[in-house]
Amino acid sequence: MADESRQLTLIKRGQYYLFRYRSGEEAAVIQTLIAKAEDPASALDWFDAAVLSHQMGHRMAGEMQALLKTKLAASGGYKKAADAT
């Protein structure tokens, strides 16, 4: 999973922004988004940075939930809430 390529996209005022990165490089992407938002010459603002970081966080949360389900199922510890009673 560590070598998987990821991307964030944003379309703003007819411009298409694409940020590509590898799994594990999320902190560097956040730093890049901050730099773009702070740069007055950049068309990306803080709202755009927030939207893109939200996209990344949402994807990461989904991946973590899937990984947790897989790990728990493999160990026999995963049960649906209705089955846990």
PDB file of N, CA and C in Angstrom:
ATOM      1  N   MET A   1       0.813  -1.185   0.000  1.00  0.00           N
ATOM      2  CA  MET A   1       0.000   0.000   0.000  1.00  0.00           C
ATOM      3  C   MET A   1       0.863   1.259   0.000  1.00  0.00           C
ATOM      4  N   ALA A   2       2.080   1.203   0.525  1.00  0.00           N
ATOM      5  CA  ALA A   2       2.924   2.381   0.658  1.00  0.00           C
ATOM      6  C   ALA A   2       3.358   2.967  -0.687  1.00  0.00           C
ATOM      7  N   ASP A   3       3.351   2.162  -1.746  1.00  0.00           N
ATOM      8  CA  ASP A   3       3.789   2.653  -3.046  1.00  0.00           C
ATOM      9  C   ASP A   3       2.640   3.151  -3.923  1.00  0.00           C
ATOM     10  N   GLU A   4       1.435   3.163  -3.388  1.00  0.00           N
ATOM     11  CA  GLU A   4       0.281   3.577  -4.174  1.00  0.00           C
ATOM     12  C   GLU A   4       0.330   5.071  -4.453  1.00  0.00           C
ATOM     13  N   SER A   5       0.028   5.423  -5.690  1.00  0.00           N
ATOM     14  CA  SER A   5      -0.023   6.820  -6.091  1.00  0.00           C
ATOM     15  C   SER A   5      -1.402   7.383  -5.751  1.00  0.00           C
ATOM     16  N   ARG A   6      -1.424   8.590  -5.261  1.00  0.00           N
ATOM     17  CA  ARG A   6      -2.668   9.267  -4.883  1.00  0.00           C
ATOM     18  C   ARG A   6      -2.721  10.605  -5.598  1.00  0.00           C
ATOM     19  N   GLN A   7      -3.909  11.185  -5.651  1.00  0.00           N
ATOM     20  CA  GLN A   7      -4.007  12.530  -6.202  1.00  0.00           C
ATOM     21  C   GLN A   7      -5.192  13.267  -5.612  1.00  0.00           C
ATOM     22  N   LEU A   8      -5.041  14.573  -5.553  1.00  0.00           N
ATOM     23  CA  LEU A   8      -6.102  15.483  -5.153  1.00  0.00           C
ATOM     24  C   LEU A   8      -6.370  16.393  -6.339  1.00  0.00           C
ATOM     25  N   THR A   9      -7.627  16.682  -6.585  1.00  0.00           N
ATOM     26  CA  THR A   9      -7.966  17.553  -7.711  1.00  0.00           C
ATOM     27  C   THR A   9      -8.912  18.654  -7.262  1.00  0.00           C
ATOM     28  N   LEU A  10      -8.793  19.777  -7.941  1.00  0.00           N
ATOM     29  CA  LEU A  10      -9.661  20.921  -7.688  1.00  0.00           C
ATOM     30  C   LEU A  10      -9.833  21.678  -8.994  1.00  0.00           C
ATOM     31  N   ILE A  11     -11.063  22.041  -9.298  1.00  0.00           N
ATOM     32  CA  ILE A  11     -11.339  22.895 -10.454  1.00  0.00           C
ATOM     33  C   ILE A  11     -11.851  24.214  -9.909  1.00  0.00           C
ATOM     34  N   LYS A  12     -11.160  25.295 -10.280  1.00  0.00           N
ATOM     35  CA  LYS A  12     -11.508  26.625  -9.778  1.00  0.00           C
ATOM     36  C   LYS A  12     -11.360  27.639 -10.902  1.00  0.00           C
ATOM     37  N   ARG A  13     -12.440  28.330 -11.199  1.00  0.00           N
ATOM     38  CA  ARG A  13     -12.442  29.371 -12.238  1.00  0.00           C
ATOM     39  C   ARG A  13     -11.822  28.886 -13.546  1.00  0.00           C
ATOM     40  N   GLY A  14     -12.207  27.695 -13.951  1.00  0.00           N
ATOM     41  CA  GLY A  14     -11.722  27.160 -15.215  1.00  0.00           C
ATOM     42  C   GLY A  14     -10.314  26.584 -15.162  1.00  0.00           C
ATOM     43  N   GLN A  15      -9.666  26.642 -14.023  1.00  0.00           N
ATOM     44  CA  GLN A  15      -8.331  26.063 -13.853  1.00  0.00           C
ATOM     45  C   GLN A  15      -8.450  24.707 -13.162  1.00  0.00           C
ATOM     46  N   TYR A  16      -7.628  23.772 -13.600  1.00  0.00           N
ATOM     47  CA  TYR A  16      -7.628  22.431 -13.041  1.00  0.00           C
ATOM     48  C   TYR A  16      -6.337  22.250 -12.251  1.00  0.00           C
ATOM     49  N   TYR A  17      -6.462  21.961 -10.964  1.00  0.00           N
ATOM     50  CA  TYR A  17      -5.298  21.765 -10.103  1.00  0.00           C
ATOM     51  C   TYR A  17      -5.209  20.291  -9.742  1.00  0.00           C
ATOM     52  N   LEU A  18      -4.038  19.733  -9.889  1.00  0.00           N
ATOM     53  CA  LEU A  18      -3.804  18.320  -9.613  1.00  0.00           C
ATOM     54  C   LEU A  18      -2.555  18.200  -8.742  1.00  0.00           C
ATOM     55  N   PHE A  19      -2.713  17.562  -7.598  1.00  0.00           N
ATOM     56  CA  PHE A  19      -1.598  17.309  -6.685  1.00  0.00           C
ATOM     57  C   PHE A  19      -1.439  15.795  -6.592  1.00  0.00           C
ATOM     58  N   ARG A  20      -0.315  15.279  -7.071  1.00  0.00           N
ATOM     59  CA  ARG A  20      -0.031  13.841  -7.005  1.00  0.00           C
ATOM     60  C   ARG A  20       0.995  13.588  -5.917  1.00  0.00           C
ATOM     61  N   TYR A  21       0.779  12.478  -5.217  1.00  0.00           N
ATOM     62  CA  TYR A  21       1.682  12.113  -4.130  1.00  0.00           C
ATOM     63  C   TYR A  21       1.559  10.621  -3.865  1.00  0.00           C
ATOM     64  N   ARG A  22       2.465  10.112  -3.079  1.00  0.00           N
ATOM     65  CA  ARG A  22       2.441   8.700  -2.697  1.00  0.00           C
ATOM     66  C   ARG A  22       1.931   8.582  -1.257  1.00  0.00           C
ATOM     67  N   SER A  23       1.369   7.447  -0.957  1.00  0.00           N
ATOM     68  CA  SER A  23       0.923   7.171   0.394  1.00  0.00           C
ATOM     69  C   SER A  23       2.094   7.387   1.363  1.00  0.00           C
ATOM     70  N   GLY A  24       1.834   8.067   2.441  1.00  0.00           N
ATOM     71  CA  GLY A  24       2.877   8.379   3.410  1.00  0.00           C
ATOM     72  C   GLY A  24       3.444   9.778   3.254  1.00  0.00           C
ATOM     73  N   GLU A  25       3.125  10.448   2.153  1.00  0.00           N
ATOM     74  CA  GLU A  25       3.621  11.803   1.898  1.00  0.00           C
ATOM     75  C   GLU A  25       2.565  12.873   2.202  1.00  0.00           C
ATOM     76  N   GLU A  26       1.547  12.517   2.965  1.00  0.00           N
ATOM     77  CA  GLU A  26       0.445  13.431   3.230  1.00  0.00           C
ATOM     78  C   GLU A  26       0.899  14.711   3.936  1.00  0.00           C
ATOM     79  N   ALA A  27       1.829  14.604   4.873  1.00  0.00           N
ATOM     80  CA  ALA A  27       2.308  15.797   5.586  1.00  0.00           C
ATOM     81  C   ALA A  27       2.974  16.781   4.625  1.00  0.00           C
ATOM     82  N   ALA A  28       3.723  16.276   3.658  1.00  0.00           N
ATOM     83  CA  ALA A  28       4.367  17.143   2.667  1.00  0.00           C
ATOM     84  C   ALA A  28       3.326  17.824   1.787  1.00  0.00           C
ATOM     85  N   VAL A  29       2.253  17.109   1.460  1.00  0.00           N
ATOM     86  CA  VAL A  29       1.186  17.706   0.656  1.00  0.00           C
ATOM     87  C   VAL A  29       0.518  18.833   1.432  1.00  0.00           C
ATOM     88  N   ILE A  30       0.266  18.610   2.716  1.00  0.00           N
ATOM     89  CA  ILE A  30      -0.332  19.660   3.556  1.00  0.00           C
ATOM     90  C   ILE A  30       0.569  20.886   3.581  1.00  0.00           C
ATOM     91  N   GLN A  31       1.872  20.679   3.708  1.00  0.00           N
ATOM     92  CA  GLN A  31       2.812  21.803   3.704  1.00  0.00           C
ATOM     93  C   GLN A  31       2.768  22.552   2.373  1.00  0.00           C
ATOM     94  N   THR A  32       2.644  21.824   1.277  1.00  0.00           N
ATOM     95  CA  THR A  32       2.536  22.448  -0.043  1.00  0.00           C
ATOM     96  C   THR A  32       1.253  23.268  -0.143  1.00  0.00           C
ATOM     97  N   LEU A  33       0.143  22.720   0.353  1.00  0.00           N
ATOM     98  CA  LEU A  33      -1.123  23.449   0.328  1.00  0.00           C
ATOM     99  C   LEU A  33      -1.040  24.725   1.159  1.00  0.00           C
ATOM    100  N   ILE A  34      -0.374  24.655   2.306  1.00  0.00           N
ATOM    101  CA  ILE A  34      -0.188  25.833   3.144  1.00  0.00           C
ATOM    102  C   ILE A  34       0.627  26.884   2.400  1.00  0.00           C
ATOM    103  N   ALA A  35       1.712  26.455   1.779  1.00  0.00           N
ATOM    104  CA  ALA A  35       2.565  27.386   1.031  1.00  0.00           C
ATOM    105  C   ALA A  35       1.787  28.065  -0.097  1.00  0.00           C
ATOM    106  N   LYS A  36       0.969  27.284  -0.806  1.00  0.00           N
ATOM    107  CA  LYS A  36       0.162  27.854  -1.898  1.00  0.00           C
ATOM    108  C   LYS A  36      -0.851  28.856  -1.356  1.00  0.00           C
ATOM    109  N   ALA A  37      -1.497  28.520  -0.242  1.00  0.00           N
ATOM    110  CA  ALA A  37      -2.505  29.408   0.342  1.00  0.00           C
ATOM    111  C   ALA A  37      -1.876  30.707   0.855  1.00  0.00           C
ATOM    112  N   GLU A  38      -0.647  30.647   1.343  1.00  0.00           N
ATOM    113  CA  GLU A  38       0.035  31.839   1.855  1.00  0.00           C
ATOM    114  C   GLU A  38       0.640  32.694   0.754  1.00  0.00           C
ATOM    115  N   ASP A  39       0.830  32.144  -0.425  1.00  0.00           N
ATOM    116  CA  ASP A  39       1.468  32.849  -1.538  1.00  0.00           C
ATOM    117  C   ASP A  39       0.462  33.757  -2.243  1.00  0.00           C
ATOM    118  N   PRO A  40       0.674  35.080  -2.192  1.00  0.00           N
ATOM    119  CA  PRO A  40      -0.277  35.996  -2.842  1.00  0.00           C
ATOM    120  C   PRO A  40      -0.319  35.820  -4.362  1.00  0.00           C
ATOM    121  N   ALA A  41       0.705  35.248  -4.950  1.00  0.00           N
ATOM    122  CA  ALA A  41       0.724  35.031  -6.397  1.00  0.00           C
ATOM    123  C   ALA A  41      -0.057  33.777  -6.800  1.00  0.00           C
ATOM    124  N   SER A  42      -0.414  32.956  -5.819  1.00  0.00           N
ATOM    125  CA  SER A  42      -1.142  31.716  -6.094  1.00  0.00           C
ATOM    126  C   SER A  42      -2.645  31.982  -6.104  1.00  0.00           C
ATOM    127  N   ALA A  43      -3.335  31.326  -7.019  1.00  0.00           N
ATOM    128  CA  ALA A  43      -4.795  31.450  -7.083  1.00  0.00           C
ATOM    129  C   ALA A  43      -5.484  30.604  -6.010  1.00  0.00           C
ATOM    130  N   LEU A  44      -4.744  29.676  -5.401  1.00  0.00           N
ATOM    131  CA  LEU A  44      -5.325  28.850  -4.352  1.00  0.00           C
ATOM    132  C   LEU A  44      -5.354  29.621  -3.037  1.00  0.00           C
ATOM    133  N   ASP A  45      -6.483  29.567  -2.360  1.00  0.00           N
ATOM    134  CA  ASP A  45      -6.602  30.267  -1.079  1.00  0.00           C
ATOM    135  C   ASP A  45      -6.797  29.252   0.049  1.00  0.00           C
ATOM    136  N   TRP A  46      -7.047  29.756   1.255  1.00  0.00           N
ATOM    137  CA  TRP A  46      -7.180  28.876   2.411  1.00  0.00           C
ATOM    138  C   TRP A  46      -8.384  27.945   2.297  1.00  0.00           C
ATOM    139  N   PHE A  47      -9.468  28.433   1.713  1.00  0.00           N
ATOM    140  CA  PHE A  47     -10.634  27.573   1.522  1.00  0.00           C
ATOM    141  C   PHE A  47     -10.278  26.396   0.610  1.00  0.00           C
ATOM    142  N   ASP A  48      -9.573  26.688  -0.478  1.00  0.00           N
ATOM    143  CA  ASP A  48      -9.152  25.625  -1.395  1.00  0.00           C
ATOM    144  C   ASP A  48      -8.264  24.605  -0.683  1.00  0.00           C
ATOM    145  N   ALA A  49      -7.334  25.103   0.122  1.00  0.00           N
ATOM    146  CA  ALA A  49      -6.441  24.215   0.876  1.00  0.00           C
ATOM    147  C   ALA A  49      -7.248  23.342   1.836  1.00  0.00           C
ATOM    148  N   ALA A  50      -8.265  23.927   2.454  1.00  0.00           N
ATOM    149  CA  ALA A  50      -9.109  23.168   3.371  1.00  0.00           C
ATOM    150  C   ALA A  50      -9.892  22.085   2.630  1.00  0.00           C
ATOM    151  N   VAL A  51     -10.428  22.429   1.464  1.00  0.00           N
ATOM    152  CA  VAL A  51     -11.177  21.456   0.671  1.00  0.00           C
ATOM    153  C   VAL A  51     -10.274  20.293   0.262  1.00  0.00           C
ATOM    154  N   LEU A  52      -9.081  20.604  -0.212  1.00  0.00           N
ATOM    155  CA  LEU A  52      -8.153  19.561  -0.648  1.00  0.00           C
ATOM    156  C   LEU A  52      -7.683  18.699   0.523  1.00  0.00           C
ATOM    157  N   SER A  53      -7.399  19.318   1.668  1.00  0.00           N
ATOM    158  CA  SER A  53      -6.968  18.532   2.822  1.00  0.00           C
ATOM    159  C   SER A  53      -8.125  17.682   3.350  1.00  0.00           C
ATOM    160  N   HIS A  54      -9.350  18.175   3.222  1.00  0.00           N
ATOM    161  CA  HIS A  54     -10.517  17.377   3.610  1.00  0.00           C
ATOM    162  C   HIS A  54     -10.645  16.148   2.707  1.00  0.00           C
ATOM    163  N   GLN A  55     -10.437  16.341   1.416  1.00  0.00           N
ATOM    164  CA  GLN A  55     -10.456  15.202   0.486  1.00  0.00           C
ATOM    165  C   GLN A  55      -9.462  14.138   0.934  1.00  0.00           C
ATOM    166  N   MET A  56      -8.260  14.578   1.269  1.00  0.00           N
ATOM    167  CA  MET A  56      -7.217  13.652   1.677  1.00  0.00           C
ATOM    168  C   MET A  56      -7.605  12.948   2.977  1.00  0.00           C
ATOM    169  N   GLY A  57      -8.096  13.694   3.941  1.00  0.00           N
ATOM    170  CA  GLY A  57      -8.486  13.105   5.215  1.00  0.00           C
ATOM    171  C   GLY A  57      -9.623  12.114   5.073  1.00  0.00           C
ATOM    172  N   HIS A  58     -10.581  12.443   4.225  1.00  0.00           N
ATOM    173  CA  HIS A  58     -11.719  11.549   3.993  1.00  0.00           C
ATOM    174  C   HIS A  58     -11.238  10.226   3.385  1.00  0.00           C
ATOM    175  N   ARG A  59     -10.342  10.313   2.421  1.00  0.00           N
ATOM    176  CA  ARG A  59      -9.793   9.103   1.796  1.00  0.00           C
ATOM    177  C   ARG A  59      -9.019   8.281   2.819  1.00  0.00           C
ATOM    178  N   MET A  60      -8.204   8.949   3.626  1.00  0.00           N
ATOM    179  CA  MET A  60      -7.409   8.235   4.624  1.00  0.00           C
ATOM    180  C   MET A  60      -8.298   7.543   5.650  1.00  0.00           C
ATOM    181  N   ALA A  61      -9.376   8.197   6.067  1.00  0.00           N
ATOM    182  CA  ALA A  61     -10.293   7.593   7.042  1.00  0.00           C
ATOM    183  C   ALA A  61     -10.931   6.333   6.462  1.00  0.00           C
ATOM    184  N   GLY A  62     -11.344   6.395   5.212  1.00  0.00           N
ATOM    185  CA  GLY A  62     -11.925   5.218   4.563  1.00  0.00           C
ATOM    186  C   GLY A  62     -10.938   4.074   4.460  1.00  0.00           C
ATOM    187  N   GLU A  63      -9.699   4.401   4.120  1.00  0.00           N
ATOM    188  CA  GLU A  63      -8.668   3.365   4.015  1.00  0.00           C
ATOM    189  C   GLU A  63      -8.374   2.735   5.381  1.00  0.00           C
ATOM    190  N   MET A  64      -8.351   3.564   6.410  1.00  0.00           N
ATOM    191  CA  MET A  64      -8.087   3.044   7.756  1.00  0.00           C
ATOM    192  C   MET A  64      -9.229   2.154   8.235  1.00  0.00           C
ATOM    193  N   GLN A  65     -10.466   2.528   7.935  1.00  0.00           N
ATOM    194  CA  GLN A  65     -11.599   1.687   8.324  1.00  0.00           C
ATOM    195  C   GLN A  65     -11.539   0.335   7.615  1.00  0.00           C
ATOM    196  N   ALA A  66     -11.222   0.351   6.323  1.00  0.00           N
ATOM    197  CA  ALA A  66     -11.122  -0.895   5.565  1.00  0.00           C
ATOM    198  C   ALA A  66      -9.998  -1.764   6.118  1.00  0.00           C
ATOM    199  N   LEU A  67      -8.865  -1.159   6.440  1.00  0.00           N
ATOM    200  CA  LEU A  67      -7.743  -1.910   7.002  1.00  0.00           C
ATOM    201  C   LEU A  67      -8.104  -2.509   8.356  1.00  0.00           C
ATOM    202  N   LEU A  68      -8.778  -1.738   9.187  1.00  0.00           N
ATOM    203  CA  LEU A  68      -9.186  -2.225  10.498  1.00  0.00           C
ATOM    204  C   LEU A  68     -10.150  -3.404  10.367  1.00  0.00           C
ATOM    205  N   LYS A  69     -11.125  -3.283   9.460  1.00  0.00           N
ATOM    206  CA  LYS A  69     -12.063  -4.390   9.246  1.00  0.00           C
ATOM    207  C   LYS A  69     -11.327  -5.650   8.799  1.00  0.00           C
ATOM    208  N   THR A  70     -10.387  -5.482   7.881  1.00  0.00           N
ATOM    209  CA  THR A  70      -9.621  -6.625   7.379  1.00  0.00           C
ATOM    210  C   THR A  70      -8.822  -7.274   8.498  1.00  0.00           C
ATOM    211  N   LYS A  71      -8.138  -6.467   9.290  1.00  0.00           N
ATOM    212  CA  LYS A  71      -7.318  -7.000  10.386  1.00  0.00           C
ATOM    213  C   LYS A  71      -8.179  -7.701  11.426  1.00  0.00           C
ATOM    214  N   LEU A  72      -9.301  -7.069  11.781  1.00  0.00           N
ATOM    215  CA  LEU A  72     -10.159  -7.679  12.794  1.00  0.00           C
ATOM    216  C   LEU A  72     -10.831  -8.948  12.282  1.00  0.00           C
ATOM    217  N   ALA A  73     -11.231  -8.939  11.025  1.00  0.00           N
ATOM    218  CA  ALA A  73     -11.851 -10.130  10.446  1.00  0.00           C
ATOM    219  C   ALA A  73     -10.858 -11.286  10.409  1.00  0.00           C
ATOM    220  N   ALA A  74      -9.613 -10.982  10.080  1.00  0.00           N
ATOM    221  CA  ALA A  74      -8.587 -12.021  10.018  1.00  0.00           C
ATOM    222  C   ALA A  74      -8.310 -12.618  11.396  1.00  0.00           C
ATOM    223  N   SER A  75      -8.459 -11.803  12.432  1.00  0.00           N
ATOM    224  CA  SER A  75      -8.207 -12.296  13.785  1.00  0.00           C
ATOM    225  C   SER A  75      -9.466 -12.857  14.442  1.00  0.00           C
ATOM    226  N   GLY A  76     -10.592 -12.780  13.730  1.00  0.00           N
ATOM    227  CA  GLY A  76     -11.848 -13.288  14.289  1.00  0.00           C
ATOM    228  C   GLY A  76     -12.505 -12.339  15.265  1.00  0.00           C
ATOM    229  N   GLY A  77     -11.961 -11.131  15.390  1.00  0.00           N
ATOM    230  CA  GLY A  77     -12.482 -10.173  16.362  1.00  0.00           C
ATOM    231  C   GLY A  77     -13.500  -9.200  15.813  1.00  0.00           C
ATOM    232  N   TYR A  78     -13.799  -9.268  14.530  1.00  0.00           N
ATOM    233  CA  TYR A  78     -14.738  -8.317  13.930  1.00  0.00           C
ATOM    234  C   TYR A  78     -16.135  -8.882  13.933  1.00  0.00           C
ATOM    235  N   LYS A  79     -17.061  -8.166  14.536  1.00  0.00           N
ATOM    236  CA  LYS A  79     -18.467  -8.529  14.503  1.00  0.00           C
ATOM    237  C   LYS A  79     -19.273  -7.276  14.231  1.00  0.00           C
ATOM    238  N   LYS A  80     -20.373  -7.443  13.566  1.00  0.00           N
ATOM    239  CA  LYS A  80     -21.274  -6.328  13.368  1.00  0.00           C
ATOM    240  C   LYS A  80     -21.838  -5.926  14.715  1.00  0.00           C
ATOM    241  N   ALA A  81     -22.238  -4.668  14.843  1.00  0.00           N
ATOM    242  CA  ALA A  81     -22.767  -4.177  16.123  1.00  0.00           C
ATOM    243  C   ALA A  81     -23.925  -5.034  16.616  1.00  0.00           C
ATOM    244  N   ALA A  82     -24.803  -5.474  15.714  1.00  0.00           N
ATOM    245  CA  ALA A  82     -25.945  -6.280  16.097  1.00  0.00           C
ATOM    246  C   ALA A  82     -25.506  -7.654  16.619  1.00  0.00           C
ATOM    247  N   ASP A  83     -24.350  -8.147  16.161  1.00  0.00           N
ATOM    248  CA  ASP A  83     -23.857  -9.459  16.578  1.00  0.00           C
ATOM    249  C   ASP A  83     -23.065  -9.400  17.875  1.00  0.00           C
ATOM    250  N   ALA A  84     -22.705  -8.203  18.310  1.00  0.00           N
ATOM    251  CA  ALA A  84     -21.817  -8.052  19.447  1.00  0.00           C
ATOM    252  C   ALA A  84     -22.533  -8.221  20.781  1.00  0.00           C
ATOM    253  N   THR A  85     -23.840  -8.292  20.766  1.00  0.00           N
ATOM    254  CA  THR A  85     -24.590  -8.388  22.045  1.00  0.00           C
ATOM    255  C   THR A  85     -24.651  -9.786  22.569  1.00  0.00           C
TER     256      THR A  85
END
